[in-house]
Amino acid sequence: MSWNWNSHGLPFLPGYTFRDVTKSAFHRSQTLNYKNGYALPRGPTVGTGQDPLLSEELIQQQISELSSETSDITYGSFDRKLAKDFIPAHVALDKKVLRYYAYFQENILYSPEEKYRVRPVVIYYYLEDDSMCIIEPVVENSGLPQGKWIKRHRLPRNESGEYYQWKDLNLAMDLEVYRVKYHITDCDAFTKEFMESEGIVLNDPEPIPVDPYSKRRKNPQPSYTTPSNFDRMHQFLTMDKKVLQFFALWDDADSLYGETRPVTIRYFLVDDTVEVREVHKPNSSRHPFPVLMRRQKQPKKIKAESFPSCVLEVSTEDVDEYHSPKDFQVGQTVKLLGRRFLLCDCDGFTKEYYQKNHPDMEMKPTEVPKKTDMLQERTKEVPPYNGFGSFEDTLQNCLSLIPERPKKNVLKMQENSQKVLRYSARLDSQNPEDEGRSFILSYFLSDDTISIFEKSTRNSGIIGGKFLKKMRIPKPGSTVDNPEFYSPADFAIGATVEVLSRRFVLNDADPYVLTYLESNSSQIPSQTLDSLHQKLRVGTATNQPANQNGDDVAEPSS
């Protein structure tokens, strides 16, 4: 339907419009076009039913005239500056919470010490969605499950389905939630300001009553029992969360290479327990579990037993004394469960604790010792030599769980690998059957060992061959813990060498022996050199065979 009124110049009012009965097209013109696959809008060129469009200037002028002429008459005058923007409630009241302080009484059954308990709580009211939550402040060592008492949601007011609102809350009133009465005593400053801005007058605040059991705990009644020598409850209350921390080195002698590892020793003052943690370094190829010794009391002195016993764990009845803070002093070594720890430093709290409680102990940090120094200190506690094997082999059994071969002087072995001092000797014995037995004593300069071969004699009935394998021979009279071994300076012509309770008298030597001893004359006594000079000169004067190859004292092939 179209109304043609512009052609006649009549106003667009009822009774001044006429219907064009000859018009048959009423479609709107196309305002959307596609170009290269994209939708592009375009303005209409004609109106509905192919009617001509008014110019935009004329349309804006007509709209402004109508608004200026009829706005005051129709709607009256108003100030646009007084209009406020609409803000929803979830934005205006976001993070605005009312906080009330309250308490409730919990009845205690079957207890002779208390009948009820006063438990303070905090009530939070969220203005955003009218939800509430009740939280009980956590008190350390209370023994009660505390924290969030009622989670955040809309609390029901009655059985009709109504919920609590901020208008229902006030001071000095009871708030019943799920059959528990919470008595509101006070609120914070924001809650008080908000309620006064809404026209609600708050009641006077009330103090939270004192819990009778807590009051009796702080002021205990006089007891007529004999007090113990040590109050563990006092230690628990005063020393909780107080830990002495030491930085130490673990002398790991039982490992494959006998290395030292940095560890942290923690002494818990609350129960006198000790924990050892290994300092884990990245890319160290070690296990990622740093606890070396779990937290436990470390025994210092165990009771002596007169009969053998085998137990899995040491009980308190078997221990005379446990480790205390006096046993941990920086710069000294402490032994825990068979492991040695050198205390190098400690933290600030530990220094303050020792200055206050043990002023006679100095807690100065020490330098990290070298590995050789710790090895020497560790060998001081080696048990005495038991006579099995060599002294070096027995020492390795004490230093490591898996003994290693004793280390040798590689440079000395390389320089003297083919150097051997050979002597001719006879057996000094009271047995007449040992007369005429001759031996070759060889001293190997590479490792200071001695071997003895016996020469075979025809029609003697004695089979020659190896008499003593290569080994180090201690001198007679030397101690077992610190033995003194034979050296080339002790082998003079005519000297007696005692080997495993047998006595050998040296009567000749290889010419190479004199050459070697003259090259090291500063370490050889003059008596040894004179005896060799006298023997070898006599042999040369009487034209006895004494060539450089030492054929006269050569070892027979075994």
Protein backbone atom coordinates (compact mmCIF):
# COMPACT_ATOMS: atom_id res chain seq x y z
CA MET A 1 0.00 0.00 0.00
CA SER A 2 1.32 3.41 -0.89
CA TRP A 3 0.18 6.85 0.05
CA ASN A 4 1.01 9.68 -2.36
CA TRP A 5 0.81 12.98 -0.51
CA ASN A 6 3.94 14.87 -1.59
CA SER A 7 2.60 15.68 -5.01
CA HIS A 8 -0.25 17.68 -3.60
CA GLY A 9 1.69 19.51 -0.87
CA LEU A 10 -0.68 18.38 1.83
CA PRO A 11 0.49 17.56 5.35
CA PHE A 12 0.94 13.91 6.37
CA LEU A 13 -2.11 13.81 8.60
CA PRO A 14 -5.19 11.63 8.73
CA GLY A 15 -7.67 12.77 6.11
CA TYR A 16 -4.97 14.34 3.89
CA THR A 17 -3.55 11.10 2.45
CA PHE A 18 -4.97 9.24 -0.51
CA ARG A 19 -4.38 5.72 -1.73
CA ASP A 20 -2.92 5.20 -5.19
CA VAL A 21 -5.18 2.52 -6.62
CA THR A 22 -3.18 2.29 -9.84
CA LYS A 23 0.03 1.11 -8.12
CA SER A 24 0.81 -2.64 -8.29
CA ALA A 25 4.54 -2.88 -7.27
CA PHE A 26 5.36 -2.85 -3.55
CA HIS A 27 8.81 -4.49 -3.37
CA ARG A 28 11.88 -2.89 -1.77
CA SER A 29 14.97 -2.07 -3.70
CA GLN A 30 18.16 -4.20 -3.50
CA THR A 31 20.63 -2.96 -0.82
CA LEU A 32 23.20 -5.85 -0.84
CA ASN A 33 25.63 -6.59 -3.62
CA TYR A 34 28.46 -9.13 -4.13
CA LYS A 35 31.75 -8.19 -5.75
CA ASN A 36 34.66 -10.63 -6.16
CA GLY A 37 33.01 -12.92 -3.61
CA TYR A 38 32.63 -10.23 -0.91
CA ALA A 39 29.28 -8.84 0.33
CA LEU A 40 29.17 -5.04 -0.10
CA PRO A 41 26.25 -2.88 1.15
CA ARG A 42 24.82 -0.06 -0.98
CA GLY A 43 22.23 2.62 -0.38
CA PRO A 44 18.75 2.40 -1.92
CA THR A 45 18.15 4.48 -5.03
CA VAL A 46 14.35 4.24 -5.00
CA GLY A 47 11.78 3.70 -2.30
CA THR A 48 9.21 0.97 -1.82
CA GLY A 49 7.24 0.31 -5.03
CA GLN A 50 9.67 2.37 -7.11
CA ASP A 51 8.65 5.62 -5.33
CA PRO A 52 11.18 8.42 -5.47
CA LEU A 53 13.34 8.95 -2.33
CA LEU A 54 13.51 12.18 -0.47
CA SER A 55 16.89 13.79 -0.17
CA GLU A 56 18.78 13.15 3.10
CA GLU A 57 18.98 16.88 3.90
CA LEU A 58 15.21 17.22 3.62
CA ILE A 59 14.64 14.16 5.84
CA GLN A 60 17.03 15.44 8.55
CA GLN A 61 15.39 18.87 8.44
CA GLN A 62 11.92 17.41 8.83
CA ILE A 63 13.03 15.23 11.74
CA SER A 64 14.70 18.16 13.51
CA GLU A 65 11.64 20.35 13.02
CA LEU A 66 9.30 17.73 14.40
CA SER A 67 11.54 17.09 17.41
CA SER A 68 11.99 20.79 18.19
CA GLU A 69 8.32 21.63 17.87
CA THR A 70 6.66 18.70 19.59
CA SER A 71 9.19 17.48 22.23
CA ASP A 72 8.39 20.08 24.83
CA ILE A 73 4.68 19.89 24.17
CA THR A 74 4.41 16.12 24.21
CA TYR A 75 7.01 15.09 26.79
CA GLY A 76 7.80 18.32 28.58
CA SER A 77 11.25 19.85 29.11
CA PHE A 78 13.99 17.72 30.76
CA ASP A 79 17.69 17.96 31.38
CA ARG A 80 19.71 15.32 29.56
CA LYS A 81 22.60 15.71 32.03
CA LEU A 82 20.49 14.18 34.84
CA ALA A 83 20.19 10.83 33.06
CA LYS A 84 22.41 8.16 34.62
CA ASP A 85 23.98 5.18 32.92
CA PHE A 86 22.54 1.82 33.82
CA ILE A 87 24.96 -0.37 35.81
CA PRO A 88 23.92 -3.98 36.57
CA ALA A 89 24.02 -5.27 40.11
CA HIS A 90 26.76 -7.85 39.48
CA VAL A 91 29.05 -5.01 38.36
CA ALA A 92 28.12 -2.40 40.95
CA LEU A 93 28.31 -4.83 43.87
CA ASP A 94 31.24 -6.92 42.69
CA LYS A 95 33.80 -7.74 45.44
CA LYS A 96 31.69 -5.95 48.06
CA VAL A 97 31.37 -8.21 51.06
CA LEU A 98 29.86 -7.63 54.51
CA ARG A 99 31.84 -9.23 57.34
CA TYR A 100 30.40 -10.07 60.73
CA TYR A 101 32.10 -11.63 63.76
CA ALA A 102 30.09 -14.24 65.65
CA TYR A 103 30.40 -17.37 67.76
CA PHE A 104 28.48 -20.49 68.62
CA GLN A 105 28.52 -22.83 71.60
CA GLU A 106 29.32 -26.49 71.09
CA ASN A 107 28.12 -28.87 73.77
CA ILE A 108 30.72 -31.35 75.03
CA LEU A 109 29.45 -34.71 76.24
CA TYR A 110 31.16 -37.15 78.61
CA SER A 111 33.99 -34.80 79.58
CA PRO A 112 34.74 -33.92 83.21
CA GLU A 113 36.84 -30.87 82.24
CA GLU A 114 34.36 -28.92 80.08
CA LYS A 115 30.63 -28.76 79.37
CA TYR A 116 30.63 -26.49 76.33
CA ARG A 117 33.13 -24.83 74.08
CA VAL A 118 32.99 -21.33 72.55
CA ARG A 119 34.05 -21.38 68.90
CA PRO A 120 34.40 -18.00 67.13
CA VAL A 121 33.48 -17.73 63.44
CA VAL A 122 33.43 -15.09 60.70
CA ILE A 123 30.29 -14.61 58.56
CA TYR A 124 30.75 -13.25 55.02
CA TYR A 125 27.76 -11.83 53.10
CA TYR A 126 28.34 -11.29 49.36
CA LEU A 127 26.18 -8.41 48.07
CA GLU A 128 26.63 -9.55 44.49
CA ASP A 129 24.35 -12.58 44.71
CA ASP A 130 23.13 -12.54 48.39
CA SER A 131 25.21 -15.64 49.19
CA MET A 132 26.87 -16.29 52.54
CA CYS A 133 29.68 -18.44 53.95
CA ILE A 134 30.86 -19.12 57.50
CA ILE A 135 34.55 -19.70 58.27
CA GLU A 136 36.15 -20.61 61.58
CA PRO A 137 39.67 -19.15 62.03
CA VAL A 138 42.37 -21.83 62.24
CA VAL A 139 44.16 -22.05 65.61
CA GLU A 140 47.44 -23.97 65.72
CA ASN A 141 47.60 -27.09 67.85
CA SER A 142 43.90 -26.88 68.73
CA GLY A 143 43.13 -30.48 67.79
CA LEU A 144 39.86 -29.44 66.11
CA PRO A 145 38.90 -29.56 62.42
CA GLN A 146 38.68 -25.85 61.61
CA GLY A 147 38.46 -23.74 58.48
CA LYS A 148 35.43 -23.38 56.20
CA TRP A 149 32.39 -24.29 58.29
CA ILE A 150 29.65 -23.61 55.69
CA LYS A 151 30.51 -23.16 52.03
CA ARG A 152 29.27 -20.16 50.04
CA HIS A 153 25.62 -20.35 49.01
CA ARG A 154 22.27 -18.70 49.81
CA LEU A 155 21.33 -19.69 53.34
CA PRO A 156 17.66 -20.63 53.90
CA ARG A 157 15.78 -18.44 56.36
CA ASN A 158 12.74 -20.62 56.97
CA GLU A 159 10.94 -23.63 55.60
CA SER A 160 8.90 -21.45 53.18
CA GLY A 161 11.87 -21.12 50.83
CA GLU A 162 12.97 -17.62 51.80
CA TYR A 163 16.67 -16.74 52.06
CA TYR A 164 18.62 -14.44 54.31
CA GLN A 165 19.31 -10.92 53.01
CA TRP A 166 21.54 -8.15 54.27
CA LYS A 167 18.52 -6.43 55.78
CA ASP A 168 18.06 -9.36 58.16
CA LEU A 169 21.53 -9.06 59.71
CA ASN A 170 22.37 -6.92 62.71
CA LEU A 171 24.60 -6.93 65.75
CA ALA A 172 23.64 -8.61 69.06
CA MET A 173 21.29 -11.03 67.33
CA ASP A 174 21.12 -14.77 66.70
CA LEU A 175 21.45 -16.16 63.20
CA GLU A 176 20.07 -19.69 63.00
CA VAL A 177 21.49 -21.73 60.10
CA TYR A 178 20.89 -25.47 59.81
CA ARG A 179 19.82 -25.71 63.50
CA VAL A 180 22.96 -23.99 64.75
CA LYS A 181 22.62 -20.56 66.39
CA TYR A 182 25.38 -18.09 65.61
CA HIS A 183 25.39 -15.00 67.82
CA ILE A 184 26.65 -11.94 65.90
CA THR A 185 28.81 -9.70 68.08
CA ASP A 186 30.61 -7.19 65.82
CA CYS A 187 31.38 -6.21 62.21
CA ASP A 188 34.09 -4.39 60.28
CA ALA A 189 34.13 -0.71 59.22
CA PHE A 190 32.89 -1.29 55.65
CA THR A 191 29.87 -3.24 56.88
CA LYS A 192 28.98 -0.53 59.37
CA GLU A 193 29.27 2.20 56.72
CA PHE A 194 27.17 0.25 54.22
CA MET A 195 24.36 -0.48 56.68
CA GLU A 196 24.21 3.16 57.80
CA SER A 197 24.06 4.31 54.16
CA GLU A 198 21.02 2.08 53.67
CA GLY A 199 19.31 3.55 56.73
CA ILE A 200 19.78 0.62 59.12
CA VAL A 201 20.96 1.41 62.63
CA LEU A 202 23.28 -1.24 64.05
CA ASN A 203 23.16 -2.38 67.64
CA ASP A 204 26.02 -1.97 70.04
CA PRO A 205 28.81 -4.57 69.58
CA GLU A 206 29.33 -7.27 72.17
CA PRO A 207 32.54 -9.09 73.19
CA ILE A 208 32.96 -12.79 72.45
CA PRO A 209 32.82 -14.75 75.72
CA VAL A 210 35.98 -16.51 76.86
CA ASP A 211 36.22 -20.24 76.30
CA PRO A 212 36.43 -21.83 79.78
CA TYR A 213 38.69 -24.66 78.62
CA SER A 214 41.19 -22.31 76.95
CA LYS A 215 41.17 -20.10 80.04
CA ARG A 216 41.95 -23.07 82.24
CA ARG A 217 44.76 -24.09 79.87
CA LYS A 218 46.39 -20.68 80.22
CA ASN A 219 45.91 -20.56 83.99
CA PRO A 220 46.11 -24.18 85.13
CA GLN A 221 45.05 -25.14 88.58
CA PRO A 222 47.76 -26.06 91.06
CA SER A 223 48.75 -29.68 90.79
CA TYR A 224 49.80 -31.76 93.75
CA THR A 225 51.65 -34.42 91.77
CA THR A 226 55.42 -34.53 91.67
CA PRO A 227 56.55 -32.71 88.50
CA SER A 228 58.84 -34.51 86.06
CA ASN A 229 62.42 -33.46 85.47
CA PHE A 230 61.65 -32.48 81.88
CA ASP A 231 58.44 -30.91 80.62
CA ARG A 232 57.86 -32.20 77.09
CA MET A 233 54.69 -30.15 76.70
CA HIS A 234 56.68 -26.98 77.34
CA GLN A 235 59.27 -28.07 74.78
CA PHE A 236 56.53 -28.78 72.25
CA LEU A 237 54.87 -25.39 72.73
CA THR A 238 58.06 -23.29 72.79
CA MET A 239 60.31 -25.14 70.32
CA ASP A 240 57.80 -25.96 67.60
CA LYS A 241 59.07 -25.05 64.09
CA LYS A 242 62.54 -24.20 65.44
CA VAL A 243 65.24 -26.09 63.57
CA LEU A 244 69.05 -25.95 63.76
CA GLN A 245 70.57 -26.27 60.29
CA PHE A 246 74.19 -27.26 59.65
CA PHE A 247 76.11 -27.48 56.36
CA ALA A 248 78.44 -30.46 56.47
CA LEU A 249 80.52 -32.88 54.40
CA TRP A 250 79.87 -36.60 54.45
CA ASP A 251 83.06 -38.66 54.31
CA ASP A 252 81.67 -41.49 52.17
CA ALA A 253 84.44 -44.03 52.71
CA ASP A 254 82.25 -47.00 51.74
CA SER A 255 81.59 -45.79 48.20
CA LEU A 256 83.46 -46.99 45.15
CA TYR A 257 85.87 -44.05 45.07
CA GLY A 258 85.73 -42.91 48.70
CA GLU A 259 84.48 -39.41 47.91
CA THR A 260 83.00 -36.63 50.06
CA ARG A 261 79.49 -35.28 49.52
CA PRO A 262 77.89 -32.04 50.79
CA VAL A 263 74.89 -32.61 53.05
CA THR A 264 72.52 -30.58 55.22
CA ILE A 265 71.93 -31.69 58.83
CA ARG A 266 68.75 -30.47 60.53
CA TYR A 267 68.24 -30.76 64.27
CA PHE A 268 64.57 -30.36 65.30
CA LEU A 269 64.40 -28.81 68.77
CA VAL A 270 60.78 -29.80 69.28
CA ASP A 271 61.59 -33.52 69.75
CA ASP A 272 65.43 -33.74 69.49
CA THR A 273 65.35 -35.57 66.18
CA VAL A 274 67.96 -35.32 63.41
CA GLU A 275 67.52 -35.44 59.65
CA VAL A 276 70.29 -35.58 57.04
CA ARG A 277 69.64 -34.48 53.46
CA GLU A 278 72.11 -34.75 50.61
CA VAL A 279 72.56 -31.61 48.51
CA HIS A 280 71.31 -32.62 45.08
CA LYS A 281 72.95 -30.85 42.15
CA PRO A 282 71.56 -30.88 38.60
CA ASN A 283 73.28 -33.19 36.09
CA SER A 284 75.15 -34.96 38.88
CA SER A 285 74.01 -38.46 37.73
CA ARG A 286 72.79 -39.25 41.24
CA HIS A 287 69.39 -40.37 42.51
CA PRO A 288 66.84 -37.54 42.94
CA PHE A 289 65.92 -38.60 46.51
CA PRO A 290 67.88 -36.27 48.79
CA VAL A 291 66.96 -37.81 52.17
CA LEU A 292 70.06 -39.62 53.38
CA MET A 293 68.79 -40.36 56.92
CA ARG A 294 65.17 -39.95 57.85
CA ARG A 295 64.11 -37.83 60.79
CA GLN A 296 64.77 -39.78 64.00
CA LYS A 297 66.57 -39.57 67.33
CA GLN A 298 70.26 -40.38 66.95
CA PRO A 299 71.76 -42.56 69.73
CA LYS A 300 75.08 -41.35 71.11
CA LYS A 301 75.85 -44.06 73.68
CA ILE A 302 74.33 -47.54 73.66
CA LYS A 303 74.20 -49.72 76.74
CA ALA A 304 76.90 -52.40 76.92
CA GLU A 305 75.61 -55.96 76.84
CA SER A 306 77.40 -58.94 78.27
CA PHE A 307 75.79 -61.43 75.89
CA PRO A 308 75.37 -61.46 72.08
CA SER A 309 72.16 -59.96 70.74
CA CYS A 310 70.65 -59.41 67.33
CA VAL A 311 67.95 -56.74 66.92
CA LEU A 312 66.52 -54.96 63.93
CA GLU A 313 66.14 -51.56 65.62
CA VAL A 314 67.58 -49.96 68.72
CA SER A 315 64.88 -49.16 71.28
CA THR A 316 64.92 -46.46 73.93
CA GLU A 317 65.74 -49.06 76.58
CA ASP A 318 69.01 -49.89 74.81
CA VAL A 319 70.26 -46.28 74.65
CA ASP A 320 71.98 -44.45 77.50
CA GLU A 321 72.22 -41.06 75.79
CA TYR A 322 70.98 -39.41 72.60
CA HIS A 323 72.64 -36.64 70.61
CA SER A 324 71.88 -33.10 71.83
CA PRO A 325 72.72 -29.62 70.45
CA LYS A 326 75.97 -29.68 72.46
CA ASP A 327 77.29 -32.46 70.20
CA PHE A 328 77.02 -30.32 67.04
CA GLN A 329 79.85 -27.79 66.88
CA VAL A 330 81.07 -26.20 63.67
CA GLY A 331 84.59 -27.32 62.79
CA GLN A 332 84.31 -30.75 64.42
CA THR A 333 83.26 -34.16 63.19
CA VAL A 334 80.05 -35.83 64.39
CA LYS A 335 79.25 -39.50 63.88
CA LEU A 336 75.63 -40.43 63.08
CA LEU A 337 74.69 -44.09 62.56
CA GLY A 338 78.25 -45.02 61.64
CA ARG A 339 78.71 -42.12 59.19
CA ARG A 340 81.16 -39.29 59.75
CA PHE A 341 80.05 -35.72 59.03
CA LEU A 342 82.34 -32.70 59.20
CA LEU A 343 80.33 -29.60 60.23
CA CYS A 344 81.55 -26.66 58.11
CA ASP A 345 78.94 -23.92 58.70
CA CYS A 346 75.41 -23.18 59.97
CA ASP A 347 72.60 -20.70 59.31
CA GLY A 348 71.82 -17.45 61.16
CA PHE A 349 69.15 -18.87 63.48
CA THR A 350 71.53 -21.62 64.63
CA LYS A 351 74.23 -19.06 65.49
CA GLU A 352 71.74 -16.99 67.51
CA TYR A 353 70.54 -20.11 69.35
CA TYR A 354 74.08 -21.11 70.38
CA GLN A 355 74.97 -17.55 71.41
CA LYS A 356 71.92 -17.46 73.69
CA ASN A 357 71.91 -21.01 75.10
CA HIS A 358 75.53 -22.17 74.67
CA PRO A 359 77.78 -19.08 74.68
CA ASP A 360 80.90 -21.17 75.36
CA MET A 361 80.67 -22.88 71.93
CA GLU A 362 82.12 -20.95 68.98
CA MET A 363 80.26 -21.41 65.71
CA LYS A 364 82.82 -20.09 63.22
CA PRO A 365 82.73 -21.47 59.66
CA THR A 366 85.68 -23.63 58.59
CA GLU A 367 87.27 -24.25 55.22
CA VAL A 368 86.44 -27.39 53.28
CA PRO A 369 89.29 -29.86 53.85
CA LYS A 370 91.06 -31.66 51.06
CA LYS A 371 90.39 -35.28 50.29
CA THR A 372 93.89 -36.36 51.39
CA ASP A 373 93.46 -34.70 54.80
CA MET A 374 90.17 -36.50 55.39
CA LEU A 375 91.78 -39.79 54.34
CA GLN A 376 94.58 -39.30 56.89
CA GLU A 377 92.06 -38.47 59.59
CA ARG A 378 90.06 -41.55 58.68
CA THR A 379 93.13 -43.85 58.92
CA LYS A 380 93.66 -42.77 62.55
CA GLU A 381 90.79 -45.03 63.60
CA VAL A 382 92.01 -48.09 61.68
CA PRO A 383 92.09 -51.22 63.90
CA PRO A 384 95.45 -52.93 64.52
CA TYR A 385 96.96 -55.19 61.89
CA ASN A 386 95.73 -58.79 62.28
CA GLY A 387 98.56 -60.48 60.38
CA PHE A 388 96.52 -61.64 57.37
CA GLY A 389 97.94 -60.44 54.06
CA SER A 390 99.96 -57.27 53.74
CA PHE A 391 99.43 -54.14 55.80
CA GLU A 392 98.16 -52.21 52.77
CA ASP A 393 95.57 -54.88 51.96
CA THR A 394 94.25 -54.86 55.52
CA LEU A 395 94.04 -51.07 55.43
CA GLN A 396 91.88 -51.18 52.29
CA ASN A 397 89.43 -53.49 54.09
CA CYS A 398 88.98 -50.79 56.73
CA LEU A 399 88.58 -47.91 54.26
CA SER A 400 86.04 -49.44 51.90
CA LEU A 401 83.34 -52.09 51.98
CA ILE A 402 84.62 -53.38 48.63
CA PRO A 403 88.43 -53.26 49.03
CA GLU A 404 90.49 -51.94 46.15
CA ARG A 405 94.02 -52.75 45.17
CA PRO A 406 96.50 -50.51 47.02
CA LYS A 407 97.74 -47.62 44.95
CA LYS A 408 101.35 -47.74 43.82
CA ASN A 409 103.88 -45.15 42.70
CA VAL A 410 103.44 -45.36 38.94
CA LEU A 411 106.36 -43.04 38.19
CA LYS A 412 108.72 -45.11 40.30
CA MET A 413 107.56 -48.32 38.63
CA GLN A 414 108.13 -46.86 35.17
CA GLU A 415 111.65 -45.65 35.96
CA ASN A 416 112.77 -48.88 37.70
CA SER A 417 110.73 -51.46 35.79
CA GLN A 418 113.79 -53.51 34.70
CA LYS A 419 116.15 -52.74 37.59
CA VAL A 420 116.86 -55.66 39.94
CA LEU A 421 119.58 -55.95 42.62
CA ARG A 422 120.74 -59.56 43.03
CA TYR A 423 122.70 -61.02 45.92
CA SER A 424 124.09 -64.43 46.73
CA ALA A 425 123.20 -65.73 50.19
CA ARG A 426 123.46 -68.80 52.40
CA LEU A 427 121.06 -70.07 55.03
CA ASP A 428 122.16 -69.45 58.63
CA SER A 429 120.78 -72.49 60.44
CA GLN A 430 121.75 -74.82 63.27
CA ASN A 431 120.55 -77.80 61.29
CA PRO A 432 123.53 -79.58 59.68
CA GLU A 433 121.33 -80.59 56.74
CA ASP A 434 121.10 -76.92 55.69
CA GLU A 435 124.85 -76.58 55.15
CA GLY A 436 125.79 -76.04 51.56
CA ARG A 437 122.41 -74.58 50.48
CA SER A 438 122.85 -71.42 48.37
CA PHE A 439 120.20 -68.85 47.48
CA ILE A 440 119.70 -65.90 45.12
CA LEU A 441 118.04 -62.86 46.80
CA SER A 442 116.57 -60.41 44.29
CA TYR A 443 115.48 -56.90 45.28
CA PHE A 444 113.08 -55.25 42.77
CA LEU A 445 113.49 -51.47 42.75
CA SER A 446 110.11 -50.90 41.04
CA ASP A 447 107.98 -51.88 44.07
CA ASP A 448 110.60 -52.61 46.84
CA THR A 449 109.77 -56.32 46.95
CA ILE A 450 112.09 -59.25 47.56
CA SER A 451 112.09 -62.76 46.05
CA ILE A 452 114.36 -65.68 46.94
CA PHE A 453 115.36 -68.62 44.69
CA GLU A 454 117.33 -71.65 45.83
CA LYS A 455 120.06 -73.09 43.62
CA SER A 456 119.88 -76.78 42.87
CA THR A 457 122.88 -78.85 44.06
CA ARG A 458 123.77 -82.23 42.62
CA ASN A 459 123.41 -85.27 44.83
CA SER A 460 122.08 -83.10 47.69
CA GLY A 461 118.53 -84.34 47.65
CA ILE A 462 117.17 -80.76 47.63
CA ILE A 463 115.12 -79.55 44.70
CA GLY A 464 115.93 -75.95 43.78
CA GLY A 465 113.40 -73.36 42.67
CA LYS A 466 111.27 -70.59 44.10
CA PHE A 467 111.77 -70.29 47.85
CA LEU A 468 109.86 -66.99 48.45
CA LYS A 469 107.53 -65.13 46.11
CA LYS A 470 107.77 -61.36 45.60
CA MET A 471 106.73 -59.51 48.73
CA ARG A 472 107.82 -56.71 51.01
CA ILE A 473 109.83 -57.92 53.99
CA PRO A 474 109.62 -55.96 57.28
CA LYS A 475 112.71 -55.57 59.42
CA PRO A 476 112.87 -57.47 62.70
CA GLY A 477 111.75 -55.37 65.65
CA SER A 478 109.42 -53.10 63.61
CA THR A 479 105.87 -52.54 64.89
CA VAL A 480 102.89 -54.16 63.25
CA ASP A 481 100.95 -50.90 62.89
CA ASN A 482 103.89 -48.99 61.41
CA PRO A 483 106.29 -51.54 59.87
CA GLU A 484 109.75 -50.67 58.49
CA PHE A 485 110.75 -52.59 55.37
CA TYR A 486 114.14 -53.60 53.99
CA SER A 487 115.84 -51.27 51.49
CA PRO A 488 119.08 -51.48 49.42
CA ALA A 489 120.89 -49.61 52.22
CA ASP A 490 120.50 -52.68 54.48
CA PHE A 491 122.07 -55.16 52.07
CA ALA A 492 125.81 -55.17 52.82
CA ILE A 493 128.16 -58.08 52.22
CA GLY A 494 128.14 -60.16 55.39
CA ALA A 495 124.85 -58.70 56.64
CA THR A 496 122.11 -60.96 57.95
CA VAL A 497 118.61 -60.65 56.49
CA GLU A 498 115.77 -62.19 58.48
CA VAL A 499 112.87 -63.33 56.30
CA LEU A 500 109.87 -64.99 57.94
CA SER A 501 111.88 -66.35 60.91
CA ARG A 502 114.72 -67.54 58.62
CA ARG A 503 118.15 -65.92 58.56
CA PHE A 504 120.12 -65.39 55.35
CA VAL A 505 123.73 -64.17 55.24
CA LEU A 506 124.74 -62.20 52.11
CA ASN A 507 128.09 -63.35 50.74
CA ASP A 508 128.20 -61.90 47.22
CA ALA A 509 126.46 -59.45 44.87
CA ASP A 510 126.05 -58.63 41.21
CA PRO A 511 128.43 -55.90 39.89
CA TYR A 512 125.34 -53.92 38.84
CA VAL A 513 124.54 -53.53 42.53
CA LEU A 514 127.73 -51.53 43.12
CA THR A 515 127.06 -49.39 40.03
CA TYR A 516 123.52 -48.54 41.18
CA LEU A 517 124.51 -47.83 44.78
CA GLU A 518 127.37 -45.56 43.71
CA SER A 519 124.91 -43.53 41.59
CA ASN A 520 122.74 -43.08 44.72
CA SER A 521 125.57 -42.84 47.26
CA SER A 522 123.79 -40.03 49.17
CA GLN A 523 121.13 -42.51 50.34
CA ILE A 524 123.46 -45.46 50.99
CA PRO A 525 125.59 -45.83 54.16
CA SER A 526 129.36 -45.89 53.68
CA GLN A 527 129.68 -49.31 55.38
CA THR A 528 127.47 -50.90 52.71
CA LEU A 529 129.54 -49.38 49.90
CA ASP A 530 132.84 -50.39 51.53
CA SER A 531 131.73 -53.99 51.90
CA LEU A 532 130.74 -54.14 48.21
CA HIS A 533 134.01 -52.48 47.11
CA GLN A 534 136.09 -54.91 49.14
CA LYS A 535 134.20 -57.99 47.91
CA LEU A 536 134.14 -57.06 44.23
CA ARG A 537 137.84 -55.95 44.21
CA VAL A 538 138.97 -59.22 45.75
CA GLY A 539 136.99 -61.11 43.17
CA THR A 540 138.61 -59.16 40.35
CA ALA A 541 142.13 -59.58 41.76
CA THR A 542 141.79 -63.38 42.00
CA ASN A 543 140.36 -63.48 38.42
CA GLN A 544 137.01 -64.79 39.62
CA PRO A 545 134.18 -64.46 37.09
CA ALA A 546 132.30 -61.27 37.90
CA ASN A 547 131.00 -60.02 34.54
CA GLN A 548 128.26 -57.48 34.06
CA ASN A 549 125.69 -60.12 33.33
CA GLY A 550 126.15 -61.56 36.82
CA ASP A 551 126.58 -65.16 35.71
CA ASP A 552 127.94 -66.12 39.09
CA VAL A 553 124.71 -65.16 40.88
CA ALA A 554 122.25 -65.52 38.04
CA GLU A 555 118.78 -66.79 38.85
CA PRO A 556 118.02 -70.20 37.48
CA SER A 557 114.95 -70.48 35.33
CA SER A 558 111.98 -71.77 37.24
